[in-house]
Amino acid sequence: MELSKKEQREWAKAELGKLWEIREEGKWASYQIKKLEREMGPRELSGSSLSGEGGGGYQAPTIEQLNKLQELYDQLEEYKQRSIELELHTLRIIDKIDDGILRVILKRVYISGQRLRHMYKSITPSYQTVKGWHSQALEEFYRKANEI
């Protein structure tokens, strides 16, 4: 059964939105890493004596903190890898689209993260025109992604 144009656009937005979601997960992991590193204290032992006595109030990170930090670094690496793979897959589909304007719109919005409202003037003076092209681009993305 053939999807309506509206359903094709919704499908394409959902597929293209996956890249944004993975990137957001990576940002969250980066934030959690920075937060945990702040909780663990300074990286160097400033003010500590070589004998380990006295000094700047530094407390070594716990095993739990180090394990959590490693887990977060592993998650971040996984998000980066998934993001790269999905971006390449998405670009392969976008590059199948014949119309250059439609390709540019999809790449700017879904790969570069630009908003239509902020980028349309570099393509045409009419925001409504770019919105129409964006709809066409989503329909083309659906067709190209589902070619057999």
N, C-alpha and C. Protein backbone atom coordinates (compact mmCIF):
# COMPACT_ATOMS: atom_id res chain seq x y z
N MET A 1 0.83 -1.18 0.00
CA MET A 1 0.00 0.00 0.00
C MET A 1 0.88 1.25 0.00
N GLU A 2 0.60 2.15 -0.90
CA GLU A 2 1.36 3.39 -1.05
C GLU A 2 0.99 4.37 0.07
N LEU A 3 2.00 4.99 0.67
CA LEU A 3 1.75 6.00 1.70
C LEU A 3 1.33 7.32 1.04
N SER A 4 0.52 8.08 1.74
CA SER A 4 0.17 9.42 1.26
C SER A 4 1.42 10.30 1.33
N LYS A 5 1.39 11.44 0.66
CA LYS A 5 2.54 12.34 0.69
C LYS A 5 2.82 12.82 2.12
N LYS A 6 1.76 13.07 2.86
CA LYS A 6 1.94 13.50 4.26
C LYS A 6 2.63 12.40 5.06
N GLU A 7 2.21 11.15 4.88
CA GLU A 7 2.83 10.02 5.58
C GLU A 7 4.28 9.83 5.15
N GLN A 8 4.56 10.07 3.86
CA GLN A 8 5.94 9.97 3.37
C GLN A 8 6.82 11.03 4.05
N ARG A 9 6.28 12.24 4.17
CA ARG A 9 7.05 13.32 4.82
C ARG A 9 7.28 13.00 6.30
N GLU A 10 6.25 12.48 6.96
CA GLU A 10 6.39 12.13 8.38
C GLU A 10 7.42 11.02 8.56
N TRP A 11 7.40 10.03 7.68
CA TRP A 11 8.38 8.94 7.73
C TRP A 11 9.79 9.50 7.55
N ALA A 12 9.96 10.36 6.54
CA ALA A 12 11.28 10.94 6.27
C ALA A 12 11.77 11.78 7.44
N LYS A 13 10.89 12.58 8.03
CA LYS A 13 11.29 13.39 9.19
C LYS A 13 11.73 12.50 10.34
N ALA A 14 11.01 11.41 10.55
CA ALA A 14 11.37 10.49 11.64
C ALA A 14 12.73 9.86 11.37
N GLU A 15 12.97 9.43 10.14
CA GLU A 15 14.27 8.83 9.80
C GLU A 15 15.39 9.85 9.93
N LEU A 16 15.18 11.03 9.38
CA LEU A 16 16.21 12.07 9.44
C LEU A 16 16.41 12.57 10.86
N GLY A 17 15.38 12.51 11.68
CA GLY A 17 15.48 12.94 13.07
C GLY A 17 16.32 12.02 13.94
N LYS A 18 16.54 10.80 13.49
CA LYS A 18 17.35 9.85 14.26
C LYS A 18 18.78 10.36 14.43
N LEU A 19 19.30 11.03 13.42
CA LEU A 19 20.65 11.57 13.51
C LEU A 19 20.72 12.63 14.60
N TRP A 20 19.72 13.51 14.66
CA TRP A 20 19.66 14.53 15.69
C TRP A 20 19.60 13.88 17.07
N GLU A 21 18.78 12.82 17.20
CA GLU A 21 18.62 12.14 18.49
C GLU A 21 19.94 11.55 18.96
N ILE A 22 20.67 10.90 18.07
CA ILE A 22 21.97 10.31 18.45
C ILE A 22 22.93 11.41 18.88
N ARG A 23 22.94 12.51 18.14
CA ARG A 23 23.83 13.62 18.51
C ARG A 23 23.47 14.18 19.87
N GLU A 24 22.17 14.27 20.17
CA GLU A 24 21.75 14.76 21.49
C GLU A 24 22.18 13.80 22.59
N GLU A 25 22.10 12.50 22.33
CA GLU A 25 22.56 11.52 23.32
C GLU A 25 24.06 11.69 23.57
N GLY A 26 24.81 11.97 22.51
CA GLY A 26 26.24 12.21 22.66
C GLY A 26 26.52 13.46 23.47
N LYS A 27 25.73 14.51 23.25
CA LYS A 27 25.89 15.74 24.04
C LYS A 27 25.59 15.47 25.51
N TRP A 28 24.56 14.66 25.76
CA TRP A 28 24.22 14.32 27.14
C TRP A 28 25.37 13.57 27.80
N ALA A 29 25.95 12.59 27.09
CA ALA A 29 27.08 11.84 27.64
C ALA A 29 28.26 12.76 27.91
N SER A 30 28.54 13.69 27.01
CA SER A 30 29.63 14.66 27.22
C SER A 30 29.38 15.51 28.46
N TYR A 31 28.14 15.95 28.62
CA TYR A 31 27.78 16.74 29.79
C TYR A 31 27.99 15.92 31.06
N GLN A 32 27.56 14.65 31.06
CA GLN A 32 27.71 13.79 32.23
C GLN A 32 29.18 13.55 32.56
N ILE A 33 30.01 13.42 31.53
CA ILE A 33 31.45 13.24 31.74
C ILE A 33 32.03 14.47 32.43
N LYS A 34 31.71 15.65 31.90
CA LYS A 34 32.23 16.89 32.50
C LYS A 34 31.75 17.05 33.93
N LYS A 35 30.50 16.73 34.17
CA LYS A 35 29.93 16.83 35.52
C LYS A 35 30.67 15.90 36.48
N LEU A 36 30.89 14.65 36.07
CA LEU A 36 31.58 13.68 36.91
C LEU A 36 33.04 14.10 37.13
N GLU A 37 33.69 14.61 36.10
CA GLU A 37 35.07 15.06 36.26
C GLU A 37 35.16 16.22 37.26
N ARG A 38 34.16 17.12 37.24
CA ARG A 38 34.15 18.21 38.23
C ARG A 38 33.98 17.65 39.64
N GLU A 39 33.09 16.66 39.78
CA GLU A 39 32.87 16.04 41.08
C GLU A 39 34.12 15.34 41.59
N MET A 40 34.91 14.80 40.67
CA MET A 40 36.12 14.06 41.05
C MET A 40 37.24 14.99 41.48
N GLY A 41 37.15 16.25 41.14
CA GLY A 41 38.17 17.21 41.57
C GLY A 41 39.21 17.44 40.51
N PRO A 42 40.24 18.19 40.87
CA PRO A 42 41.28 18.55 39.89
C PRO A 42 42.07 17.33 39.44
N ARG A 43 42.59 17.44 38.24
CA ARG A 43 43.36 16.32 37.67
C ARG A 43 44.74 16.18 38.30
N GLU A 44 45.32 17.32 38.69
CA GLU A 44 46.65 17.26 39.30
C GLU A 44 46.51 17.34 40.81
N LEU A 45 47.55 16.98 41.48
CA LEU A 45 47.54 16.99 42.94
C LEU A 45 48.18 18.29 43.44
N SER A 46 47.65 19.41 43.03
CA SER A 46 48.25 20.69 43.42
C SER A 46 48.16 20.86 44.94
N GLY A 47 49.26 21.23 45.52
CA GLY A 47 49.31 21.45 46.95
C GLY A 47 49.61 20.19 47.75
N SER A 48 49.71 19.06 47.12
CA SER A 48 49.99 17.82 47.84
C SER A 48 51.49 17.62 47.96
N SER A 49 51.88 17.01 49.04
CA SER A 49 53.29 16.69 49.17
C SER A 49 53.55 15.36 48.48
N LEU A 50 54.78 15.09 48.16
CA LEU A 50 55.14 13.83 47.52
C LEU A 50 54.89 12.65 48.43
N SER A 51 54.92 12.86 49.72
CA SER A 51 54.71 11.76 50.66
C SER A 51 53.23 11.42 50.80
N GLY A 52 52.37 12.28 50.22
CA GLY A 52 50.94 12.03 50.31
C GLY A 52 50.32 12.59 51.57
N GLU A 53 51.12 13.28 52.37
CA GLU A 53 50.58 13.86 53.60
C GLU A 53 50.19 15.30 53.37
N GLY A 54 49.14 15.71 54.01
CA GLY A 54 48.76 17.12 53.97
C GLY A 54 48.50 17.59 52.56
N GLY A 55 48.33 18.85 52.42
CA GLY A 55 48.20 19.42 51.10
C GLY A 55 46.77 19.73 50.73
N GLY A 56 46.58 20.32 49.67
CA GLY A 56 45.42 20.96 49.09
C GLY A 56 44.04 20.36 49.19
N GLY A 57 43.77 19.42 50.04
CA GLY A 57 42.42 18.92 50.19
C GLY A 57 41.95 18.06 49.04
N TYR A 58 42.83 17.55 48.25
CA TYR A 58 42.49 16.71 47.10
C TYR A 58 42.14 15.32 47.58
N GLN A 59 41.04 14.79 47.08
CA GLN A 59 40.67 13.41 47.39
C GLN A 59 40.65 12.63 46.09
N ALA A 60 41.35 11.53 46.08
CA ALA A 60 41.43 10.71 44.86
C ALA A 60 40.05 10.20 44.47
N PRO A 61 39.80 10.05 43.16
CA PRO A 61 38.50 9.53 42.72
C PRO A 61 38.29 8.10 43.22
N THR A 62 37.03 7.78 43.45
CA THR A 62 36.71 6.42 43.89
C THR A 62 36.67 5.49 42.70
N ILE A 63 36.75 4.19 42.98
CA ILE A 63 36.64 3.18 41.92
C ILE A 63 35.30 3.33 41.20
N GLU A 64 34.24 3.61 41.96
CA GLU A 64 32.91 3.78 41.36
C GLU A 64 32.90 4.95 40.38
N GLN A 65 33.54 6.05 40.78
CA GLN A 65 33.59 7.21 39.89
C GLN A 65 34.38 6.90 38.63
N LEU A 66 35.51 6.21 38.81
CA LEU A 66 36.33 5.86 37.64
C LEU A 66 35.59 4.89 36.71
N ASN A 67 34.88 3.93 37.30
CA ASN A 67 34.10 2.99 36.48
C ASN A 67 32.99 3.71 35.72
N LYS A 68 32.30 4.63 36.41
CA LYS A 68 31.24 5.40 35.77
C LYS A 68 31.81 6.27 34.66
N LEU A 69 32.96 6.87 34.91
CA LEU A 69 33.61 7.70 33.89
C LEU A 69 33.95 6.86 32.66
N GLN A 70 34.49 5.67 32.86
CA GLN A 70 34.82 4.80 31.74
C GLN A 70 33.56 4.40 30.97
N GLU A 71 32.50 4.11 31.70
CA GLU A 71 31.22 3.75 31.08
C GLU A 71 30.70 4.90 30.20
N LEU A 72 30.81 6.13 30.72
CA LEU A 72 30.36 7.30 29.96
C LEU A 72 31.22 7.53 28.72
N TYR A 73 32.54 7.35 28.87
CA TYR A 73 33.41 7.48 27.70
C TYR A 73 33.07 6.44 26.65
N ASP A 74 32.77 5.21 27.08
CA ASP A 74 32.38 4.15 26.14
C ASP A 74 31.08 4.51 25.44
N GLN A 75 30.11 5.04 26.20
CA GLN A 75 28.84 5.45 25.60
C GLN A 75 29.06 6.56 24.58
N LEU A 76 29.88 7.53 24.94
CA LEU A 76 30.15 8.64 24.03
C LEU A 76 30.78 8.13 22.74
N GLU A 77 31.70 7.21 22.85
CA GLU A 77 32.34 6.64 21.66
C GLU A 77 31.32 5.89 20.81
N GLU A 78 30.42 5.16 21.45
CA GLU A 78 29.36 4.46 20.72
C GLU A 78 28.44 5.45 20.00
N TYR A 79 28.07 6.54 20.68
CA TYR A 79 27.23 7.55 20.05
C TYR A 79 27.93 8.17 18.84
N LYS A 80 29.22 8.46 18.99
CA LYS A 80 29.98 9.03 17.87
C LYS A 80 29.99 8.07 16.69
N GLN A 81 30.25 6.79 16.94
CA GLN A 81 30.29 5.80 15.88
C GLN A 81 28.93 5.67 15.19
N ARG A 82 27.87 5.57 15.99
CA ARG A 82 26.52 5.46 15.42
C ARG A 82 26.17 6.71 14.62
N SER A 83 26.57 7.87 15.11
CA SER A 83 26.30 9.13 14.42
C SER A 83 26.99 9.15 13.06
N ILE A 84 28.24 8.74 13.02
CA ILE A 84 29.00 8.72 11.76
C ILE A 84 28.35 7.76 10.77
N GLU A 85 28.02 6.56 11.25
CA GLU A 85 27.41 5.56 10.36
C GLU A 85 26.06 6.05 9.82
N LEU A 86 25.25 6.62 10.68
CA LEU A 86 23.93 7.10 10.25
C LEU A 86 24.06 8.30 9.32
N GLU A 87 25.01 9.19 9.60
CA GLU A 87 25.22 10.34 8.73
C GLU A 87 25.64 9.89 7.34
N LEU A 88 26.55 8.91 7.25
CA LEU A 88 26.96 8.40 5.95
C LEU A 88 25.79 7.75 5.21
N HIS A 89 24.99 6.97 5.93
CA HIS A 89 23.82 6.33 5.33
C HIS A 89 22.84 7.39 4.81
N THR A 90 22.60 8.41 5.63
CA THR A 90 21.69 9.49 5.26
C THR A 90 22.21 10.25 4.05
N LEU A 91 23.49 10.54 4.02
CA LEU A 91 24.08 11.25 2.88
C LEU A 91 23.98 10.44 1.60
N ARG A 92 24.15 9.11 1.71
CA ARG A 92 24.01 8.27 0.51
C ARG A 92 22.61 8.39 -0.08
N ILE A 93 21.61 8.42 0.79
CA ILE A 93 20.22 8.55 0.31
C ILE A 93 20.00 9.95 -0.27
N ILE A 94 20.43 10.97 0.44
CA ILE A 94 20.25 12.35 -0.04
C ILE A 94 20.93 12.53 -1.39
N ASP A 95 22.12 11.96 -1.55
CA ASP A 95 22.86 12.13 -2.81
C ASP A 95 22.20 11.43 -3.99
N LYS A 96 21.24 10.56 -3.75
CA LYS A 96 20.47 9.93 -4.84
C LYS A 96 19.42 10.88 -5.42
N ILE A 97 19.09 11.93 -4.68
CA ILE A 97 18.06 12.88 -5.13
C ILE A 97 18.63 13.72 -6.27
N ASP A 98 17.88 13.79 -7.36
CA ASP A 98 18.36 14.49 -8.56
C ASP A 98 18.42 16.01 -8.40
N ASP A 99 17.44 16.59 -7.75
CA ASP A 99 17.33 18.05 -7.64
C ASP A 99 18.33 18.58 -6.61
N GLY A 100 19.25 19.41 -7.07
CA GLY A 100 20.30 19.96 -6.21
C GLY A 100 19.77 20.82 -5.07
N ILE A 101 18.73 21.60 -5.32
CA ILE A 101 18.16 22.44 -4.26
C ILE A 101 17.61 21.57 -3.14
N LEU A 102 16.92 20.48 -3.50
CA LEU A 102 16.35 19.60 -2.48
C LEU A 102 17.46 18.94 -1.66
N ARG A 103 18.56 18.57 -2.35
CA ARG A 103 19.70 17.98 -1.63
C ARG A 103 20.29 18.98 -0.65
N VAL A 104 20.47 20.22 -1.10
CA VAL A 104 21.04 21.27 -0.24
C VAL A 104 20.17 21.49 0.99
N ILE A 105 18.87 21.56 0.80
CA ILE A 105 17.97 21.79 1.92
C ILE A 105 18.08 20.66 2.94
N LEU A 106 18.04 19.41 2.47
CA LEU A 106 18.13 18.29 3.41
C LEU A 106 19.47 18.27 4.13
N LYS A 107 20.55 18.53 3.42
CA LYS A 107 21.87 18.52 4.06
C LYS A 107 22.00 19.64 5.09
N ARG A 108 21.51 20.82 4.75
CA ARG A 108 21.63 21.93 5.69
C ARG A 108 20.79 21.70 6.94
N VAL A 109 19.58 21.19 6.74
CA VAL A 109 18.68 21.03 7.88
C VAL A 109 19.05 19.81 8.72
N TYR A 110 19.28 18.66 8.07
CA TYR A 110 19.42 17.41 8.84
C TYR A 110 20.86 16.97 9.07
N ILE A 111 21.79 17.46 8.28
CA ILE A 111 23.21 17.12 8.51
C ILE A 111 23.88 18.26 9.28
N SER A 112 23.69 19.49 8.82
CA SER A 112 24.35 20.64 9.46
C SER A 112 23.56 21.22 10.62
N GLY A 113 22.28 20.87 10.72
CA GLY A 113 21.49 21.33 11.85
C GLY A 113 20.95 22.75 11.74
N GLN A 114 20.93 23.30 10.52
CA GLN A 114 20.39 24.64 10.35
C GLN A 114 18.86 24.60 10.36
N ARG A 115 18.26 25.69 10.70
CA ARG A 115 16.80 25.81 10.68
C ARG A 115 16.39 26.47 9.36
N LEU A 116 15.27 26.00 8.81
CA LEU A 116 14.78 26.59 7.56
C LEU A 116 14.65 28.10 7.68
N ARG A 117 14.12 28.55 8.79
CA ARG A 117 13.87 29.98 8.97
C ARG A 117 15.16 30.79 8.94
N HIS A 118 16.28 30.18 9.29
CA HIS A 118 17.55 30.91 9.32
C HIS A 118 18.36 30.79 8.04
N MET A 119 18.08 29.77 7.22
CA MET A 119 18.94 29.54 6.06
C MET A 119 18.28 29.83 4.73
N TYR A 120 16.98 30.08 4.70
CA TYR A 120 16.28 30.17 3.43
C TYR A 120 16.77 31.33 2.55
N LYS A 121 17.21 32.44 3.17
CA LYS A 121 17.60 33.62 2.39
C LYS A 121 18.82 33.36 1.50
N SER A 122 19.62 32.37 1.86
CA SER A 122 20.78 32.05 1.01
C SER A 122 20.36 31.25 -0.23
N ILE A 123 19.10 30.81 -0.25
CA ILE A 123 18.61 30.03 -1.39
C ILE A 123 17.59 30.81 -2.21
N THR A 124 16.65 31.48 -1.53
CA THR A 124 15.59 32.23 -2.19
C THR A 124 15.04 33.26 -1.19
N PRO A 125 14.47 34.36 -1.70
CA PRO A 125 13.92 35.35 -0.77
C PRO A 125 12.64 34.91 -0.07
N SER A 126 12.04 33.83 -0.51
CA SER A 126 10.74 33.42 0.03
C SER A 126 10.85 32.22 0.97
N TYR A 127 10.47 32.45 2.22
CA TYR A 127 10.44 31.36 3.20
C TYR A 127 9.41 30.31 2.79
N GLN A 128 8.29 30.73 2.27
CA GLN A 128 7.23 29.80 1.85
C GLN A 128 7.73 28.88 0.73
N THR A 129 8.52 29.42 -0.17
CA THR A 129 9.09 28.61 -1.25
C THR A 129 9.98 27.52 -0.68
N VAL A 130 10.84 27.89 0.27
CA VAL A 130 11.75 26.90 0.87
C VAL A 130 10.96 25.85 1.65
N LYS A 131 9.89 26.26 2.32
CA LYS A 131 9.05 25.28 3.02
C LYS A 131 8.46 24.27 2.03
N GLY A 132 8.03 24.76 0.87
CA GLY A 132 7.50 23.87 -0.16
C GLY A 132 8.57 22.92 -0.67
N TRP A 133 9.77 23.47 -0.91
CA TRP A 133 10.88 22.62 -1.36
C TRP A 133 11.25 21.59 -0.30
N HIS A 134 11.18 22.00 0.97
CA HIS A 134 11.49 21.09 2.06
C HIS A 134 10.51 19.91 2.04
N SER A 135 9.25 20.20 1.84
CA SER A 135 8.25 19.13 1.74
C SER A 135 8.56 18.19 0.59
N GLN A 136 8.90 18.77 -0.57
CA GLN A 136 9.28 17.94 -1.73
C GLN A 136 10.52 17.11 -1.42
N ALA A 137 11.48 17.72 -0.73
CA ALA A 137 12.72 17.03 -0.40
C ALA A 137 12.44 15.83 0.51
N LEU A 138 11.54 16.00 1.46
CA LEU A 138 11.19 14.89 2.35
C LEU A 138 10.53 13.75 1.57
N GLU A 139 9.65 14.09 0.64
CA GLU A 139 9.00 13.07 -0.18
C GLU A 139 10.03 12.34 -1.04
N GLU A 140 10.97 13.09 -1.61
CA GLU A 140 12.04 12.47 -2.40
C GLU A 140 12.92 11.57 -1.54
N PHE A 141 13.22 12.03 -0.33
CA PHE A 141 14.03 11.22 0.58
C PHE A 141 13.32 9.90 0.85
N TYR A 142 12.05 9.96 1.11
CA TYR A 142 11.27 8.72 1.34
C TYR A 142 11.38 7.80 0.14
N ARG A 143 11.18 8.35 -1.07
CA ARG A 143 11.22 7.51 -2.28
C ARG A 143 12.61 6.89 -2.47
N LYS A 144 13.64 7.69 -2.31
CA LYS A 144 15.01 7.19 -2.52
C LYS A 144 15.40 6.17 -1.44
N ALA A 145 14.94 6.39 -0.22
CA ALA A 145 15.28 5.46 0.87
C ALA A 145 14.58 4.13 0.70
N ASN A 146 13.46 4.13 0.00
CA ASN A 146 12.66 2.90 -0.15
C ASN A 146 12.74 2.31 -1.55
N GLU A 147 13.70 2.76 -2.36
CA GLU A 147 13.90 2.17 -3.67
C GLU A 147 14.38 0.74 -3.53
N ILE A 148 13.94 -0.09 -4.42
CA ILE A 148 14.37 -1.50 -4.39
C ILE A 148 15.41 -1.76 -5.45
